[in-house]
Amino acid sequence: MSVISDQLRKGKDARQKKGAWLSYAPFAFFHALTLLLCLRVVRPVGRGLGWHESQRYLEEKTAWSCVCGTWGAPQEKKTQMITVLREQHEPPKNVAQRLKDAGGLNRFGEANYRVVWGWNRLAWIGGKFEDRDEQGRLLREVVELRQEPKYPQVNRWHVERWVPPEAYGSPRVWYAQTVEREGGKSVAALGPYPQRGEYEHCFTLEGAGGEFLQLTPTIVEQLARAIEWSRLIPKPRAKERLYEREARDDRDYGEWAYNLLDDAVPAFHRQPFVTVQ
């Protein structure tokens, strides 16, 4: 009886061991499959590198985990970029209509004169830009085209006049004069060719001391009358008056600079002199 009981006990133990091995078989299979996947990714990534270099490169480029035989997808690191909030305003409809009546329309049915808010007026600028986070740390440098505020006085109203596309030359001349090269890439510093013309700056609406001025009906009427009066002046006469004004400004500046330097120099340029009575 003892011999039979020993044999039965040994058979039971063997069956238990076999069942335990079969229960662990799926986990062993998944772990082996995961190891093969890891080796398959490391081999092409680390071509020409050692084992440790490949492991370090893989850890830097991808975030992976081997938990219960699952492959973790790469996770991108989230960074907070600086968000610029712009104060945007649109001119009242009656202001736009008054300037349209005073300045007329261009060939595309748009107003020759318009008023824009500084933050609303964006222009294409090409070059190298630096993106930084909230702490001012540099995140990246990129060469591309972006739309940035055209005028430094972003919190002021600006009066603009439409300029036809032929004033900028042909597209070939435009790109020949504006394309720059940064970081091995060619980028148009002033953006694409203005096929429909462009609005250029006339003047900024502000006070004598640079203070802010609101678009009141009185100011708008004065702008409209100035535009209407300028359209009545013949172009040759207008150009002649422009040259006269520039020459007068140069002459006034020359006199101011001479007087300033003359006051700063001591009498007789510090040479000894004798007073005769």
Protein backbone atom coordinates (compact mmCIF):
# COMPACT_ATOMS: atom_id res chain seq x y z
CA MET A 1 0.00 0.00 0.00
CA SER A 2 2.83 2.34 0.81
CA VAL A 3 4.40 1.75 -2.60
CA ILE A 4 1.12 2.48 -4.39
CA SER A 5 0.51 5.62 -2.35
CA ASP A 6 4.03 6.86 -3.14
CA GLN A 7 3.46 6.33 -6.86
CA LEU A 8 0.12 8.14 -6.71
CA ARG A 9 1.69 11.04 -4.86
CA LYS A 10 4.53 11.27 -7.41
CA GLY A 11 2.05 11.25 -10.28
CA LYS A 12 0.03 14.00 -8.62
CA ASP A 13 3.17 16.09 -8.11
CA ALA A 14 4.17 15.60 -11.76
CA ARG A 15 0.72 16.68 -12.94
CA GLN A 16 0.87 19.76 -10.72
CA LYS A 17 4.31 20.69 -12.07
CA LYS A 18 3.12 20.21 -15.64
CA GLY A 19 0.03 22.35 -15.01
CA ALA A 20 2.13 25.05 -13.40
CA TRP A 21 4.49 25.06 -16.40
CA LEU A 22 1.54 25.29 -18.78
CA SER A 23 0.06 28.19 -16.77
CA TYR A 24 3.35 30.13 -17.07
CA ALA A 25 3.78 29.35 -20.76
CA PRO A 26 1.70 32.33 -22.09
CA PHE A 27 3.66 34.79 -19.93
CA ALA A 28 6.94 33.32 -21.12
CA PHE A 29 5.73 33.56 -24.73
CA PHE A 30 4.76 37.24 -24.37
CA HIS A 31 8.05 38.13 -22.71
CA ALA A 32 10.00 36.37 -25.45
CA LEU A 33 7.98 38.17 -28.14
CA THR A 34 8.57 41.53 -26.41
CA LEU A 35 12.31 40.87 -26.27
CA LEU A 36 12.34 40.10 -30.02
CA LEU A 37 10.48 43.36 -30.74
CA CYS A 38 12.99 45.31 -28.66
CA LEU A 39 15.90 43.73 -30.51
CA ARG A 40 14.20 44.42 -33.84
CA VAL A 41 13.87 48.15 -33.01
CA VAL A 42 17.36 48.48 -31.54
CA ARG A 43 19.10 46.81 -34.46
CA PRO A 44 18.20 49.34 -37.23
CA VAL A 45 18.34 52.33 -34.88
CA GLY A 46 21.72 51.42 -33.48
CA ARG A 47 23.35 50.44 -36.77
CA GLY A 48 26.97 51.37 -36.52
CA LEU A 49 26.68 51.90 -32.74
CA GLY A 50 27.45 49.70 -29.79
CA TRP A 51 24.83 48.05 -27.62
CA HIS A 52 24.93 50.71 -24.90
CA GLU A 53 24.87 53.56 -27.43
CA SER A 54 21.85 51.97 -29.14
CA GLN A 55 20.05 51.62 -25.83
CA ARG A 56 20.74 55.25 -24.93
CA TYR A 57 19.65 56.49 -28.36
CA LEU A 58 16.45 54.47 -28.11
CA GLU A 59 15.65 55.81 -24.65
CA GLU A 60 16.15 59.39 -25.84
CA LYS A 61 14.01 59.03 -28.96
CA THR A 62 11.16 56.80 -27.73
CA ALA A 63 9.41 56.07 -24.48
CA TRP A 64 8.68 52.38 -24.27
CA SER A 65 7.63 49.98 -21.58
CA CYS A 66 7.36 46.23 -21.37
CA VAL A 67 4.51 45.56 -19.01
CA CYS A 68 2.58 42.31 -19.39
CA GLY A 69 3.91 41.91 -22.91
CA THR A 70 2.59 45.30 -24.19
CA TRP A 71 4.58 47.80 -26.24
CA GLY A 72 4.30 51.42 -25.10
CA ALA A 73 3.78 53.94 -27.91
CA PRO A 74 6.17 56.94 -28.14
CA GLN A 75 5.07 59.86 -26.00
CA GLU A 76 5.78 63.44 -26.99
CA LYS A 77 7.02 65.85 -24.35
CA LYS A 78 4.54 68.66 -23.87
CA THR A 79 5.94 72.18 -23.61
CA GLN A 80 4.05 75.38 -22.93
CA MET A 81 4.66 78.03 -25.58
CA ILE A 82 4.27 81.75 -25.01
CA THR A 83 0.84 82.90 -26.23
CA VAL A 84 0.63 86.53 -27.34
CA LEU A 85 -2.80 88.07 -26.78
CA ARG A 86 -3.46 90.93 -29.19
CA GLU A 87 -5.90 93.75 -28.59
CA GLN A 88 -7.86 93.86 -31.83
CA HIS A 89 -10.21 96.57 -33.04
CA GLU A 90 -12.08 97.22 -36.27
CA PRO A 91 -12.86 100.74 -37.49
CA PRO A 92 -16.53 101.70 -37.45
CA LYS A 93 -18.39 101.16 -40.70
CA ASN A 94 -19.16 104.85 -41.11
CA VAL A 95 -15.42 105.65 -40.87
CA ALA A 96 -14.54 103.12 -43.57
CA GLN A 97 -17.34 104.40 -45.79
CA ARG A 98 -16.29 108.06 -45.35
CA LEU A 99 -12.69 107.27 -46.34
CA LYS A 100 -13.94 105.20 -49.28
CA ASP A 101 -16.04 108.09 -50.53
CA ALA A 102 -13.12 110.50 -50.12
CA GLY A 103 -10.36 108.35 -51.62
CA GLY A 104 -12.29 106.30 -54.17
CA LEU A 105 -11.81 102.66 -55.14
CA ASN A 106 -8.91 100.81 -56.74
CA ARG A 107 -9.09 98.40 -59.69
CA PHE A 108 -10.17 95.57 -57.38
CA GLY A 109 -13.12 97.49 -55.93
CA GLU A 110 -11.34 98.14 -52.62
CA ALA A 111 -10.83 101.46 -50.88
CA ASN A 112 -7.70 103.44 -51.77
CA TYR A 113 -7.44 104.65 -48.18
CA ARG A 114 -8.22 102.80 -44.99
CA VAL A 115 -7.67 102.95 -41.23
CA VAL A 116 -6.31 99.90 -39.39
CA TRP A 117 -5.49 99.12 -35.79
CA GLY A 118 -1.81 98.37 -35.14
CA TRP A 119 -2.34 94.89 -33.72
CA ASN A 120 -4.65 93.99 -36.61
CA ARG A 121 -2.11 94.95 -39.29
CA LEU A 122 0.06 91.90 -39.92
CA ALA A 123 2.68 91.52 -42.64
CA TRP A 124 4.75 88.61 -43.92
CA ILE A 125 8.27 88.42 -42.50
CA GLY A 126 10.73 85.67 -43.40
CA GLY A 127 13.83 84.73 -41.46
CA LYS A 128 15.06 82.87 -38.39
CA PHE A 129 12.71 82.89 -35.41
CA GLU A 130 13.33 81.76 -31.83
CA ASP A 131 10.51 80.12 -29.89
CA ARG A 132 10.77 80.32 -26.10
CA ASP A 133 8.70 79.04 -23.19
CA GLU A 134 7.19 81.02 -20.34
CA GLN A 135 10.52 81.10 -18.48
CA GLY A 136 12.35 82.47 -21.52
CA ARG A 137 14.19 79.23 -22.28
CA LEU A 138 14.96 78.65 -25.94
CA LEU A 139 12.88 75.79 -27.33
CA ARG A 140 13.78 75.88 -31.00
CA GLU A 141 15.08 77.96 -33.88
CA VAL A 142 13.20 77.76 -37.14
CA VAL A 143 13.54 79.45 -40.54
CA GLU A 144 10.11 80.17 -42.01
CA LEU A 145 7.55 82.78 -43.02
CA ARG A 146 5.42 84.32 -40.30
CA GLN A 147 2.89 87.10 -40.02
CA GLU A 148 4.03 89.73 -37.55
CA PRO A 149 2.75 93.25 -36.68
CA LYS A 150 3.86 95.64 -39.43
CA TYR A 151 4.11 98.78 -37.29
CA PRO A 152 5.86 99.20 -33.94
CA GLN A 153 2.97 101.38 -32.67
CA VAL A 154 0.64 98.43 -32.15
CA ASN A 155 -1.80 100.40 -29.94
CA ARG A 156 -2.49 103.17 -32.43
CA TRP A 157 -4.67 103.74 -35.49
CA HIS A 158 -2.81 103.92 -38.81
CA VAL A 159 -3.91 105.41 -42.13
CA GLU A 160 -2.81 103.42 -45.18
CA ARG A 161 -2.90 104.04 -48.92
CA TRP A 162 -3.19 101.34 -51.57
CA VAL A 163 -0.17 100.88 -53.88
CA PRO A 164 -0.60 98.98 -57.20
CA PRO A 165 1.41 95.75 -57.75
CA GLU A 166 3.49 97.19 -60.61
CA ALA A 167 5.07 99.60 -58.12
CA TYR A 168 6.93 96.60 -56.67
CA GLY A 169 8.30 95.45 -60.01
CA SER A 170 7.84 92.03 -61.55
CA PRO A 171 7.65 88.84 -59.45
CA ARG A 172 11.13 87.87 -60.67
CA VAL A 173 12.60 91.18 -59.52
CA TRP A 174 10.69 90.95 -56.24
CA TYR A 175 12.10 87.55 -55.30
CA ALA A 176 15.57 88.44 -56.58
CA GLN A 177 15.67 91.40 -54.19
CA THR A 178 13.92 89.89 -51.16
CA VAL A 179 15.01 86.24 -50.97
CA GLU A 180 17.55 85.62 -48.20
CA ARG A 181 19.34 82.49 -47.07
CA GLU A 182 19.25 81.40 -43.42
CA GLY A 183 20.45 78.09 -42.07
CA GLY A 184 20.80 76.57 -45.53
CA LYS A 185 17.21 77.51 -46.49
CA SER A 186 15.97 80.22 -48.85
CA VAL A 187 13.16 82.39 -47.53
CA ALA A 188 11.46 85.50 -48.93
CA ALA A 189 12.14 88.20 -46.34
CA LEU A 190 9.02 90.18 -47.31
CA GLY A 191 6.76 87.27 -48.12
CA PRO A 192 5.11 86.44 -51.43
CA TYR A 193 4.76 88.88 -54.30
CA PRO A 194 1.77 91.26 -53.77
CA GLN A 195 -0.38 90.23 -56.73
CA ARG A 196 -3.23 92.53 -55.67
CA GLY A 197 -1.04 95.41 -54.55
CA GLU A 198 -0.39 96.38 -50.95
CA TYR A 199 -1.46 98.99 -48.44
CA GLU A 200 1.44 101.19 -47.33
CA HIS A 201 1.70 103.51 -44.35
CA CYS A 202 0.66 107.15 -44.64
CA PHE A 203 0.78 108.33 -41.04
CA THR A 204 -0.02 107.26 -37.49
CA LEU A 205 -2.96 108.81 -35.71
CA GLU A 206 -1.55 110.19 -32.45
CA GLY A 207 -1.08 113.48 -30.64
CA ALA A 208 1.87 115.87 -30.79
CA GLY A 209 3.44 114.13 -27.79
CA GLY A 210 2.74 110.64 -29.09
CA GLU A 211 -0.41 110.22 -27.03
CA PHE A 212 -3.33 108.07 -28.15
CA LEU A 213 -6.08 109.59 -30.29
CA GLN A 214 -9.43 107.94 -30.81
CA LEU A 215 -11.27 107.86 -34.12
CA THR A 216 -13.75 110.64 -33.50
CA PRO A 217 -16.09 112.05 -36.20
CA THR A 218 -14.05 115.29 -36.25
CA ILE A 219 -10.76 113.48 -36.91
CA VAL A 220 -12.33 111.29 -39.56
CA GLU A 221 -13.76 114.32 -41.36
CA GLN A 222 -10.35 116.03 -41.32
CA LEU A 223 -8.75 112.89 -42.76
CA ALA A 224 -11.34 112.72 -45.50
CA ARG A 225 -10.89 116.40 -46.44
CA ALA A 226 -7.10 116.00 -46.51
CA ILE A 227 -7.45 113.02 -48.84
CA GLU A 228 -9.88 114.85 -51.11
CA TRP A 229 -7.60 117.88 -51.23
CA SER A 230 -4.55 115.75 -52.07
CA ARG A 231 -6.39 114.16 -55.02
CA LEU A 232 -7.01 117.60 -56.53
CA ILE A 233 -3.28 118.45 -56.65
CA PRO A 234 -1.58 117.43 -59.93
CA LYS A 235 0.98 114.67 -59.46
CA PRO A 236 3.96 116.70 -60.75
CA ARG A 237 3.11 119.53 -58.37
CA ALA A 238 2.62 117.09 -55.48
CA LYS A 239 6.02 115.51 -56.17
CA GLU A 240 7.64 118.95 -56.36
CA ARG A 241 6.15 119.96 -53.02
CA LEU A 242 7.37 116.70 -51.51
CA TYR A 243 10.93 117.44 -52.65
CA GLU A 244 10.66 120.97 -51.27
CA ARG A 245 9.55 119.68 -47.90
CA GLU A 246 12.40 117.16 -47.74
CA ALA A 247 14.94 119.84 -48.69
CA ARG A 248 13.54 122.19 -46.04
CA ASP A 249 13.80 119.48 -43.41
CA ASP A 250 17.41 118.76 -44.39
CA ARG A 251 18.26 122.47 -44.25
CA ASP A 252 16.67 122.90 -40.84
CA TYR A 253 18.52 119.88 -39.50
CA GLY A 254 21.83 121.19 -40.84
CA GLU A 255 21.35 124.55 -39.15
CA TRP A 256 20.37 122.88 -35.87
CA ALA A 257 23.42 120.60 -35.93
CA TYR A 258 25.77 123.50 -36.73
CA ASN A 259 24.43 125.63 -33.87
CA LEU A 260 24.69 122.72 -31.47
CA LEU A 261 28.32 122.02 -32.37
CA ASP A 262 29.22 125.71 -32.32
CA ASP A 263 27.89 126.10 -28.78
CA ALA A 264 29.85 123.06 -27.59
CA VAL A 265 33.25 124.40 -28.82
CA PRO A 266 35.01 126.92 -26.48
CA ALA A 267 35.99 130.36 -27.71
CA PHE A 268 38.92 130.45 -30.18
CA HIS A 269 39.10 126.62 -29.87
CA ARG A 270 41.05 127.02 -26.58
CA GLN A 271 43.84 128.96 -28.24
CA PRO A 272 45.56 131.74 -26.22
CA PHE A 273 44.36 135.23 -27.06
CA VAL A 274 44.90 138.84 -25.89
CA THR A 275 42.10 141.30 -25.33
CA VAL A 276 42.82 144.71 -26.95
CA GLN A 277 40.95 147.76 -25.72
